[in-house]
Protein backbone atom coordinates (compact mmCIF):
# COMPACT_ATOMS: atom_id res chain seq x y z
CA MET A 1 65.77 145.83 57.55
CA ALA A 2 67.64 145.90 61.22
CA GLU A 3 68.81 142.16 60.15
CA LEU A 4 70.12 143.30 56.99
CA GLN A 5 71.64 146.51 58.25
CA GLN A 6 73.62 144.17 60.78
CA LEU A 7 74.56 141.52 58.16
CA ARG A 8 76.35 144.31 56.01
CA VAL A 9 78.24 145.98 58.88
CA GLN A 10 79.32 142.10 59.90
CA GLU A 11 80.45 141.44 56.54
CA ALA A 12 82.43 144.68 56.27
CA VAL A 13 83.99 143.73 59.52
CA ASP A 14 84.92 140.43 58.17
CA SER A 15 86.19 142.04 54.84
CA MET A 16 88.45 144.50 56.87
CA VAL A 17 89.70 141.81 59.32
CA LYS A 18 90.52 139.64 56.37
CA SER A 19 92.50 142.57 54.77
CA LEU A 20 94.45 143.40 57.89
CA GLU A 21 95.49 139.97 58.43
CA ARG A 22 96.62 139.65 54.70
CA GLU A 23 98.66 143.18 54.39
CA ASN A 24 99.81 143.41 57.66
CA ILE A 25 99.63 140.73 60.34
CA ARG A 26 101.08 138.35 57.68
CA LYS A 27 104.08 140.74 56.89
CA MET A 28 104.80 141.08 60.71
CA GLN A 29 104.98 137.19 61.33
CA GLY A 30 107.21 136.92 58.33
CA LEU A 31 109.31 139.73 59.93
CA MET A 32 109.05 137.69 63.36
CA PHE A 33 109.86 134.40 61.91
CA ARG A 34 112.90 135.78 60.29
CA CYS A 35 114.04 138.03 63.12
CA SER A 36 114.00 134.36 65.27
CA ALA A 37 115.74 132.65 62.73
CA SER A 38 118.33 135.26 63.08
CA CYS A 39 118.46 134.51 66.56
CA CYS A 40 119.01 131.10 66.36
CA GLU A 41 122.08 131.75 63.93
CA ASP A 42 124.25 133.38 66.98
CA SER A 43 126.58 130.57 67.85
CA GLN A 44 127.93 132.20 70.67
CA ALA A 45 124.64 132.91 72.47
CA SER A 46 123.41 131.12 75.39
CA MET A 47 120.20 129.24 75.17
CA LYS A 48 118.50 131.70 77.63
CA GLN A 49 119.82 134.76 75.05
CA VAL A 50 118.56 132.62 72.17
CA HIS A 51 115.37 132.56 74.01
CA GLN A 52 115.01 136.30 74.80
CA CYS A 53 115.60 136.85 71.52
CA ILE A 54 113.01 135.23 70.31
CA GLU A 55 110.76 136.29 72.72
CA ARG A 56 111.67 139.86 71.71
CA CYS A 57 110.92 139.22 68.28
CA HIS A 58 107.44 138.00 68.90
CA VAL A 59 106.51 141.31 70.69
CA PRO A 60 105.48 143.60 67.94
CA LEU A 61 103.03 140.81 66.43
CA ALA A 62 101.90 140.10 69.87
CA GLN A 63 100.84 143.54 70.33
CA ALA A 64 99.20 144.09 67.28
CA GLN A 65 96.83 141.07 67.45
CA ALA A 66 96.07 141.92 70.76
CA LEU A 67 94.88 145.60 69.78
CA VAL A 68 92.97 143.93 66.46
CA THR A 69 91.29 141.28 69.20
CA SER A 70 90.63 144.17 71.87
CA GLU A 71 88.99 146.51 69.35
CA LEU A 72 86.97 143.70 67.74
CA GLU A 73 85.72 142.91 71.10
CA LYS A 74 84.66 146.16 72.12
CA PHE A 75 83.08 146.91 68.50
CA GLN A 76 81.35 143.56 69.15
CA VAL A 77 80.05 144.74 72.97
CA ARG A 78 78.60 148.04 71.62
CA ASN A 79 77.04 146.01 68.53
CA ILE A 80 74.78 143.52 71.41
CA LEU A 81 74.11 146.93 73.53
CA ASP A 82 72.78 148.84 70.31
CA ARG A 83 70.84 145.47 69.22
CA ALA A 84 69.46 145.63 72.95
CA LEU A 85 68.30 149.30 73.01
């Protein structure tokens, strides 16, 4: 019975992650790539400036991905601890 509940929880988490990726992460990726492309269109910018611009474009997506990863890791640890008890 506990295994069935565990399977249901895992399926719900998988569904949530897929939805989050489709509805949020992909949009953020599109914004990041468009932002990066606009950095490259600045013919007056130096190579360093273009690189810094591209890095700034990547920050929101990197932060979102780090947050999702962190929360999933916390969930997995709690889940493992709950099963051990």
